[in-house]
Amino acid sequence: MPADIFEKLLANRGPLGQHAKESHGYFTFPKLEGDIGPHMIFRGKKKLNWSLNNYLGLANHPEVRKADADAAADYGFAMPMGARMMSGNSNPHEQLEKELSEFVNKEDTILCNFGYQAILSSIDCIVDRHDVIVYDAESHACILDGVRLHMGKRYVFKHNDIEDCEKQLERATKLANETGGAILVITEGVFGMRGDQGKIKEIVELKKKFNFRLLVDDAHGIGTLGKTGAGTGEEQNCQDGIDIYFGTFAKSFALIGGFISSDAQVVEYLRYNMRSQIFAKALPITLVVGLLKRLELMRRTPDFKNKLWEITHALQSGLMDAGFNIGDTNSCVTPVYLNGSIPESTNLIYDLRENYNVFCSMVVYPVVPKGMIILRLIPTAVHTLEDVQYTIECFSKIVGKLKAGEYMSDHIAEVNQ
């Protein structure tokens, strides 16, 4: 008699799911209410919020809200009613692709319904079983899932370790010569957990020794880095060396979806072979029109990015001056590294939210090693210097409690009352 698959699921709920009963609604799946911004309502109380990827503060910009509302009135959310290849193409879709291509200095662009899906399915589309993938060990889950779909060989290099990347490229080159395949290197512009930029320029330099193409997931770089906000490649002056550039709409653009930019022939190949787009309904025109407005604001108003970095520098320098370890971040992502157990981390976060009214994300095992806690802060252009100062003061107090053992209780705060 075969096992019941439901019984298997219930017997092993996964590393996060096993804590669902205690964490749901508070530590996981929390509900933040009110206008998107640095101050939102959580469980009936206003909190200073550092957990939204609204980098440029566009989510509630008056011009954005008006563009979204006007587009909804003009088109509704059903149009276009079909996949783009069949019946879902439109002038706004093509206009957005054209303007994004100009923004990131690539020949062409394909819009994608979801960022996660875009990376995963583009990897699946680009490589076949003869090809070899070389990727960074700390790549985002969407990259890892795309790599897992690959029926050929893959080699992982130590995080941002160019010497190890070169070693894996040597292995990949030897194998690709045997299989008649090609090599795809995958990394990130900004690693979203630790905040360090990928060593894109150094990887591009390896093209002088090896024959490969480079795919960069720049979800946290687009809009935040580079002179014009065009991302990590612009920041590191190596955009031309990025063969396939991915950006998301879920962060600086404050919406949903993503895009892939590359040579025109490569984008045409994706347009006609990327199954997740061929067989999926197109992005609603309402969203596309809203994205056009967001891109317009990003391009004509550098003050958004300048204010973001004013807040970022104040937050990161203030934390370091107060003795906190923020690792090697050289982006807006601001991790604060602490030592403690999972019970300590949950009690700490409960205290921070309930008694100091500060809301930030907590990262613990299995995402990071046992005994490590990361408090992850995302600064935005709509935070204030007063927000920064208050947060640093609160962090100093809770870390004092952590070191004094005040969060040692195995009892997790009763949050589901």
Protein backbone atom coordinates (compact mmCIF):
# COMPACT_ATOMS: atom_id res chain seq x y z
CA MET A 1 0.00 0.00 0.00
CA PRO A 2 1.56 3.35 -1.02
CA ALA A 3 1.90 6.05 1.59
CA ASP A 4 -0.67 8.84 1.74
CA ILE A 5 1.02 11.98 0.45
CA PHE A 6 -1.02 14.14 2.84
CA GLU A 7 0.27 12.08 5.78
CA LYS A 8 3.83 12.71 4.58
CA LEU A 9 3.19 16.46 4.45
CA LEU A 10 1.73 16.50 7.95
CA ALA A 11 4.57 14.40 9.34
CA ASN A 12 7.24 16.75 7.98
CA ARG A 13 6.02 20.34 7.85
CA GLY A 14 9.40 21.77 6.83
CA PRO A 15 11.93 23.91 8.72
CA LEU A 16 9.64 26.94 8.86
CA GLY A 17 6.25 25.23 8.78
CA GLN A 18 6.98 23.33 11.97
CA HIS A 19 6.76 26.65 13.84
CA ALA A 20 3.56 27.80 12.11
CA LYS A 21 1.27 27.37 15.12
CA GLU A 22 3.38 29.64 17.33
CA SER A 23 4.48 32.15 14.70
CA HIS A 24 1.58 32.64 12.26
CA GLY A 25 0.18 36.14 12.22
CA TYR A 26 3.05 37.66 14.17
CA PHE A 27 6.52 36.44 13.24
CA THR A 28 5.25 35.00 9.98
CA PHE A 29 2.42 36.33 7.80
CA PRO A 30 2.04 39.56 9.83
CA LYS A 31 -0.59 42.05 8.66
CA LEU A 32 0.62 45.63 8.19
CA GLU A 33 -2.23 48.05 7.57
CA GLY A 34 -2.65 51.64 6.45
CA ASP A 35 -0.85 53.60 3.73
CA ILE A 36 2.46 52.04 2.72
CA GLY A 37 5.25 53.96 4.40
CA PRO A 38 7.63 54.11 7.35
CA HIS A 39 4.75 54.26 9.86
CA MET A 40 2.06 51.58 9.57
CA ILE A 41 -0.42 49.82 11.82
CA PHE A 42 0.35 46.38 13.25
CA ARG A 43 -2.19 44.77 15.56
CA GLY A 44 -3.90 48.09 16.17
CA LYS A 45 -0.76 50.09 17.04
CA LYS A 46 1.40 52.36 14.91
CA LYS A 47 4.90 50.97 14.27
CA LEU A 48 8.05 52.42 12.75
CA ASN A 49 8.45 50.05 9.83
CA TRP A 50 11.76 48.92 8.29
CA SER A 51 10.44 45.89 6.42
CA LEU A 52 9.17 47.20 3.08
CA ASN A 53 11.16 47.25 -0.16
CA ASN A 54 9.64 50.61 -1.10
CA TYR A 55 13.17 51.98 -1.63
CA LEU A 56 12.31 55.21 -3.46
CA GLY A 57 9.06 55.84 -1.63
CA LEU A 58 7.02 55.62 -4.83
CA ALA A 59 4.22 53.46 -3.42
CA ASN A 60 2.22 56.45 -2.22
CA HIS A 61 3.65 59.22 -4.38
CA PRO A 62 0.72 61.42 -5.52
CA GLU A 63 1.58 61.10 -9.22
CA VAL A 64 1.81 57.32 -8.88
CA ARG A 65 -1.48 57.03 -7.02
CA LYS A 66 -3.19 59.18 -9.67
CA ALA A 67 -1.68 57.22 -12.57
CA ASP A 68 -2.77 53.93 -10.98
CA ALA A 69 -6.29 55.21 -10.34
CA ASP A 70 -6.68 56.71 -13.82
CA ALA A 71 -5.41 53.52 -15.46
CA ALA A 72 -7.80 51.40 -13.40
CA ALA A 73 -10.69 53.64 -14.46
CA ASP A 74 -9.62 53.53 -18.13
CA TYR A 75 -8.84 49.82 -18.46
CA GLY A 76 -9.95 47.88 -15.39
CA PHE A 77 -7.76 44.96 -14.30
CA ALA A 78 -8.91 42.34 -16.80
CA MET A 79 -7.42 43.88 -19.93
CA PRO A 80 -5.65 42.40 -21.82
CA MET A 81 -7.50 39.12 -21.53
CA GLY A 82 -4.95 36.59 -22.69
CA ALA A 83 -1.29 35.66 -23.00
CA ARG A 84 0.71 38.22 -24.94
CA MET A 85 1.57 35.83 -27.77
CA MET A 86 -2.08 35.02 -28.39
CA SER A 87 -4.24 38.05 -27.58
CA GLY A 88 -2.63 39.99 -24.73
CA ASN A 89 -0.18 42.37 -26.38
CA SER A 90 -0.66 46.15 -26.26
CA ASN A 91 1.05 49.44 -27.04
CA PRO A 92 1.71 50.21 -23.34
CA HIS A 93 3.43 46.83 -22.90
CA GLU A 94 5.72 47.51 -25.86
CA GLN A 95 6.33 51.09 -24.74
CA LEU A 96 7.41 49.95 -21.27
CA GLU A 97 9.77 47.37 -22.78
CA LYS A 98 11.30 50.05 -25.01
CA GLU A 99 11.79 52.51 -22.16
CA LEU A 100 13.24 49.88 -19.83
CA SER A 101 15.72 48.85 -22.53
CA GLU A 102 16.88 52.46 -22.82
CA PHE A 103 17.08 52.79 -19.02
CA VAL A 104 19.36 49.76 -18.52
CA ASN A 105 21.22 50.21 -21.83
CA LYS A 106 20.20 46.96 -23.49
CA GLU A 107 18.76 46.30 -26.96
CA ASP A 108 15.44 44.80 -25.94
CA THR A 109 13.34 43.74 -22.95
CA ILE A 110 10.63 41.21 -22.13
CA LEU A 111 8.11 41.90 -19.36
CA CYS A 112 7.39 39.11 -16.89
CA ASN A 113 4.42 38.63 -14.60
CA PHE A 114 6.45 37.80 -11.48
CA GLY A 115 10.09 38.37 -10.66
CA TYR A 116 10.62 34.98 -9.00
CA GLN A 117 9.01 33.22 -11.94
CA ALA A 118 11.04 35.26 -14.44
CA ILE A 119 14.44 34.16 -13.13
CA LEU A 120 13.41 30.55 -12.62
CA SER A 121 11.84 30.14 -16.05
CA SER A 122 14.47 32.12 -17.96
CA ILE A 123 17.18 29.79 -16.65
CA ASP A 124 15.08 26.81 -17.69
CA CYS A 125 14.59 28.38 -21.12
CA ILE A 126 18.20 29.37 -21.80
CA VAL A 127 20.12 26.21 -20.94
CA ASP A 128 19.78 22.59 -22.06
CA ARG A 129 21.22 19.34 -20.68
CA HIS A 130 24.54 19.86 -22.49
CA ASP A 131 25.15 23.26 -20.89
CA VAL A 132 26.84 24.02 -17.57
CA ILE A 133 25.72 26.54 -14.94
CA VAL A 134 28.15 28.25 -12.54
CA TYR A 135 26.48 30.21 -9.75
CA ASP A 136 27.13 32.01 -6.46
CA ALA A 137 26.52 29.97 -3.29
CA GLU A 138 24.31 32.66 -1.71
CA SER A 139 22.06 33.18 -4.70
CA HIS A 140 18.39 33.91 -4.07
CA ALA A 141 15.90 31.05 -3.89
CA CYS A 142 14.53 31.90 -7.36
CA ILE A 143 17.98 31.26 -8.85
CA LEU A 144 18.42 28.05 -6.86
CA ASP A 145 15.05 26.77 -8.04
CA GLY A 146 15.94 27.63 -11.64
CA VAL A 147 19.26 25.80 -11.27
CA ARG A 148 17.45 22.75 -9.87
CA LEU A 149 15.37 22.57 -13.04
CA HIS A 150 18.55 22.30 -15.10
CA MET A 151 19.07 18.79 -16.43
CA GLY A 152 22.78 19.35 -16.98
CA LYS A 153 25.71 19.93 -14.65
CA ARG A 154 26.05 22.90 -12.32
CA TYR A 155 28.96 24.14 -10.21
CA VAL A 156 28.61 26.50 -7.26
CA PHE A 157 31.33 28.94 -6.22
CA LYS A 158 31.87 30.34 -2.73
CA HIS A 159 30.03 33.58 -2.17
CA ASN A 160 31.72 36.45 -4.01
CA ASP A 161 34.93 34.41 -4.20
CA ILE A 162 36.40 35.20 -7.62
CA GLU A 163 39.23 32.72 -7.21
CA ASP A 164 36.72 29.93 -6.59
CA CYS A 165 34.53 31.21 -9.43
CA GLU A 166 37.54 30.86 -11.74
CA LYS A 167 38.15 27.34 -10.45
CA GLN A 168 34.54 26.36 -11.19
CA LEU A 169 34.79 27.94 -14.63
CA GLU A 170 37.80 25.74 -15.35
CA ARG A 171 35.74 22.68 -14.42
CA ALA A 172 32.78 23.94 -16.41
CA THR A 173 34.92 24.63 -19.48
CA LYS A 174 36.37 21.14 -19.44
CA LEU A 175 32.91 19.58 -19.19
CA ALA A 176 31.32 21.88 -21.78
CA ASN A 177 34.06 20.96 -24.24
CA GLU A 178 33.14 17.31 -23.73
CA THR A 179 29.37 17.79 -24.02
CA GLY A 180 29.42 20.42 -26.76
CA GLY A 181 27.52 22.74 -24.43
CA ALA A 182 27.88 26.33 -23.27
CA ILE A 183 28.39 28.01 -19.89
CA LEU A 184 26.00 30.34 -18.04
CA VAL A 185 27.28 32.19 -14.95
CA ILE A 186 24.61 33.48 -12.56
CA THR A 187 24.99 35.92 -9.69
CA GLU A 188 23.21 38.84 -8.05
CA GLY A 189 23.77 42.56 -8.30
CA VAL A 190 22.95 42.95 -4.59
CA PHE A 191 22.54 40.01 -2.24
CA GLY A 192 19.29 40.74 -0.46
CA MET A 193 20.12 39.20 2.90
CA ARG A 194 23.60 40.57 3.56
CA GLY A 195 23.45 43.63 1.32
CA ASP A 196 26.83 43.15 -0.36
CA GLN A 197 27.10 43.77 -4.09
CA GLY A 198 28.03 40.89 -6.34
CA LYS A 199 31.51 41.17 -7.81
CA ILE A 200 30.11 41.76 -11.27
CA LYS A 201 33.08 43.64 -12.65
CA GLU A 202 35.53 40.92 -11.58
CA ILE A 203 33.32 38.22 -13.10
CA VAL A 204 33.11 40.18 -16.35
CA GLU A 205 36.94 40.32 -16.37
CA LEU A 206 36.99 36.51 -16.36
CA LYS A 207 35.54 36.61 -19.87
CA LYS A 208 39.07 37.35 -21.03
CA LYS A 209 39.99 33.80 -19.99
CA PHE A 210 36.73 31.88 -20.35
CA ASN A 211 33.85 31.73 -22.81
CA PHE A 212 30.58 32.20 -20.89
CA ARG A 213 27.50 34.38 -20.68
CA LEU A 214 26.54 36.25 -17.49
CA LEU A 215 23.03 36.54 -16.00
CA VAL A 216 22.62 39.06 -13.15
CA ASP A 217 19.60 39.25 -10.86
CA ASP A 218 19.59 42.93 -9.90
CA ALA A 219 16.36 43.01 -7.89
CA HIS A 220 17.84 45.20 -5.12
CA GLY A 221 20.12 47.20 -7.43
CA ILE A 222 17.67 48.59 -9.98
CA GLY A 223 16.61 52.08 -8.89
CA THR A 224 19.06 52.25 -5.97
CA LEU A 225 22.53 51.98 -7.53
CA GLY A 226 24.32 53.70 -10.37
CA LYS A 227 24.42 57.34 -11.43
CA THR A 228 20.97 57.15 -13.06
CA GLY A 229 19.61 54.31 -10.93
CA ALA A 230 20.15 51.74 -13.69
CA GLY A 231 21.61 49.29 -11.20
CA THR A 232 24.73 47.47 -10.10
CA GLY A 233 26.24 47.19 -13.58
CA GLU A 234 26.10 50.97 -13.92
CA GLU A 235 27.46 51.37 -10.37
CA GLN A 236 30.44 49.14 -11.18
CA ASN A 237 30.83 50.50 -14.74
CA CYS A 238 30.40 47.10 -16.35
CA GLN A 239 26.81 47.06 -17.63
CA ASP A 240 27.99 46.06 -21.11
CA GLY A 241 29.48 42.88 -19.65
CA ILE A 242 26.13 41.72 -18.26
CA ASP A 243 24.60 39.58 -21.01
CA ILE A 244 21.20 38.99 -19.40
CA TYR A 245 19.95 41.62 -16.97
CA PHE A 246 17.00 41.01 -14.64
CA GLY A 247 15.14 43.68 -12.69
CA THR A 248 12.07 43.40 -10.51
CA PHE A 249 9.11 45.75 -10.14
CA ALA A 250 8.54 44.60 -6.55
CA LYS A 251 11.12 46.87 -4.91
CA SER A 252 12.12 50.30 -6.23
CA PHE A 253 9.13 50.33 -8.60
CA ALA A 254 6.76 49.49 -5.71
CA LEU A 255 4.52 47.21 -7.74
CA ILE A 256 4.76 43.60 -8.99
CA GLY A 257 6.35 41.75 -11.90
CA GLY A 258 9.77 41.94 -13.50
CA PHE A 259 11.71 42.26 -16.72
CA ILE A 260 14.64 40.71 -18.56
CA SER A 261 16.83 42.81 -20.84
CA SER A 262 19.46 41.54 -23.27
CA ASP A 263 20.46 41.49 -26.95
CA ALA A 264 17.47 41.76 -29.25
CA GLN A 265 17.88 38.24 -30.61
CA VAL A 266 18.10 36.77 -27.10
CA VAL A 267 14.95 38.58 -26.00
CA GLU A 268 13.18 37.38 -29.13
CA TYR A 269 14.20 33.84 -28.24
CA LEU A 270 12.79 34.28 -24.71
CA ARG A 271 9.61 35.83 -26.09
CA TYR A 272 8.93 32.75 -28.21
CA ASN A 273 10.28 30.04 -25.90
CA MET A 274 9.83 31.13 -22.27
CA ARG A 275 6.93 28.90 -21.24
CA SER A 276 5.93 30.90 -18.17
CA GLN A 277 5.15 33.86 -20.41
CA ILE A 278 3.83 32.05 -23.49
CA PHE A 279 1.22 30.21 -21.41
CA ALA A 280 0.40 32.94 -18.86
CA LYS A 281 -1.94 35.91 -18.99
CA ALA A 282 -0.19 39.21 -19.70
CA LEU A 283 0.41 41.83 -17.04
CA PRO A 284 -2.76 43.97 -16.78
CA ILE A 285 -2.47 47.24 -18.70
CA THR A 286 -3.37 49.08 -15.49
CA LEU A 287 -0.12 47.85 -13.92
CA VAL A 288 1.88 48.59 -17.06
CA VAL A 289 0.64 52.19 -17.20
CA GLY A 290 1.49 52.55 -13.51
CA LEU A 291 4.97 51.21 -14.18
CA LEU A 292 5.49 53.73 -16.98
CA LYS A 293 4.75 56.53 -14.50
CA ARG A 294 7.11 55.04 -11.92
CA LEU A 295 9.91 54.74 -14.48
CA GLU A 296 9.30 58.33 -15.59
CA LEU A 297 9.64 59.55 -12.00
CA MET A 298 12.81 57.52 -11.43
CA ARG A 299 14.41 59.00 -14.54
CA ARG A 300 13.47 62.65 -14.01
CA THR A 301 13.68 62.90 -10.22
CA PRO A 302 17.11 61.86 -8.84
CA ASP A 303 16.10 63.34 -5.47
CA PHE A 304 14.36 60.04 -4.61
CA LYS A 305 17.61 58.09 -4.85
CA ASN A 306 19.60 60.86 -3.19
CA LYS A 307 17.25 60.92 -0.20
CA LEU A 308 17.34 57.11 0.00
CA TRP A 309 21.11 57.22 0.30
CA GLU A 310 21.02 60.04 2.84
CA ILE A 311 18.89 57.82 5.07
CA THR A 312 20.98 54.73 4.27
CA HIS A 313 24.27 56.43 5.16
CA ALA A 314 22.81 57.84 8.37
CA LEU A 315 21.41 54.45 9.40
CA GLN A 316 24.50 52.41 8.57
CA SER A 317 27.05 54.87 10.00
CA GLY A 318 24.91 55.38 13.10
CA LEU A 319 24.65 51.65 13.72
CA MET A 320 28.40 51.17 13.32
CA ASP A 321 29.15 54.12 15.60
CA ALA A 322 26.89 52.48 18.20
CA GLY A 323 28.97 49.29 17.98
CA PHE A 324 26.71 47.16 15.79
CA ASN A 325 28.00 44.68 13.23
CA ILE A 326 26.38 45.32 9.83
CA GLY A 327 28.73 43.06 7.88
CA ASP A 328 29.98 43.95 4.41
CA THR A 329 26.91 45.69 3.04
CA ASN A 330 27.60 48.23 0.31
CA SER A 331 23.98 48.68 -0.70
CA CYS A 332 20.83 49.97 1.00
CA VAL A 333 20.10 46.58 2.56
CA THR A 334 21.16 46.90 6.21
CA PRO A 335 21.62 43.70 8.25
CA VAL A 336 22.38 43.84 11.95
CA TYR A 337 24.17 40.69 13.14
CA LEU A 338 23.51 39.43 16.66
CA ASN A 339 24.21 36.19 18.53
CA GLY A 340 21.35 34.26 20.08
CA SER A 341 18.98 31.32 19.93
CA ILE A 342 15.60 31.16 18.18
CA PRO A 343 13.69 31.63 21.49
CA GLU A 344 15.88 34.65 22.27
CA SER A 345 15.27 36.11 18.83
CA THR A 346 11.49 35.74 19.06
CA ASN A 347 11.39 37.32 22.52
CA LEU A 348 13.64 40.13 21.31
CA ILE A 349 11.43 40.86 18.30
CA TYR A 350 8.31 40.75 20.48
CA ASP A 351 9.87 43.29 22.86
CA LEU A 352 11.00 45.49 19.96
CA ARG A 353 7.53 45.54 18.39
CA GLU A 354 5.36 45.75 21.48
CA ASN A 355 7.41 47.98 23.78
CA TYR A 356 9.42 50.10 21.32
CA ASN A 357 6.99 50.07 18.37
CA VAL A 358 9.71 49.21 15.84
CA PHE A 359 8.91 46.63 13.17
CA CYS A 360 11.73 44.93 11.27
CA SER A 361 12.34 41.50 9.80
CA MET A 362 14.06 38.75 11.76
CA VAL A 363 16.21 36.12 10.06
CA VAL A 364 17.19 32.96 11.96
CA TYR A 365 18.16 29.33 11.31
CA PRO A 366 17.82 27.64 8.82
CA VAL A 367 18.31 30.75 6.67
CA VAL A 368 21.44 31.64 8.69
CA PRO A 369 23.62 29.37 10.90
CA LYS A 370 22.41 28.30 14.33
CA GLY A 371 23.17 30.87 17.01
CA MET A 372 22.98 33.82 14.60
CA ILE A 373 20.22 36.41 14.42
CA ILE A 374 19.93 38.99 11.66
CA LEU A 375 17.69 42.00 12.06
CA ARG A 376 17.20 43.20 8.49
CA LEU A 377 16.43 46.87 7.88
CA ILE A 378 15.34 48.33 4.54
CA PRO A 379 15.73 52.14 4.49
CA THR A 380 13.58 54.16 2.12
CA ALA A 381 13.46 57.69 0.77
CA VAL A 382 10.44 58.43 2.96
CA HIS A 383 12.11 57.57 6.27
CA THR A 384 13.44 60.49 8.31
CA LEU A 385 16.64 61.10 10.25
CA GLU A 386 14.48 61.07 13.39
CA ASP A 387 13.34 57.55 12.46
CA VAL A 388 16.98 56.53 12.16
CA GLN A 389 18.02 58.01 15.51
CA TYR A 390 15.08 56.47 17.36
CA THR A 391 15.77 53.03 15.87
CA ILE A 392 19.43 53.06 16.86
CA GLU A 393 18.48 54.04 20.42
CA CYS A 394 15.96 51.18 20.58
CA PHE A 395 18.44 48.68 19.17
CA SER A 396 21.00 49.65 21.80
CA LYS A 397 18.47 48.93 24.52
CA ILE A 398 17.34 45.55 23.22
CA VAL A 399 20.91 44.39 22.57
CA GLY A 400 21.74 45.31 26.17
CA LYS A 401 18.87 43.07 27.27
CA LEU A 402 20.05 40.29 24.93
CA LYS A 403 23.55 40.36 26.40
CA ALA A 404 22.13 40.40 29.92
CA GLY A 405 20.20 37.20 29.19
CA GLU A 406 16.75 38.77 29.53
CA TYR A 407 15.48 36.95 26.44
CA MET A 408 16.74 33.51 27.49
CA SER A 409 13.33 32.06 28.36
CA ASP A 410 12.30 29.07 26.27
CA HIS A 411 8.78 30.48 26.40
CA ILE A 412 7.88 32.24 23.17
CA ALA A 413 5.71 35.29 23.76
CA GLU A 414 2.01 34.52 23.45
CA VAL A 415 1.28 36.53 20.33
CA ASN A 416 -1.80 34.83 18.96
CA GLN A 417 -4.19 35.93 21.68
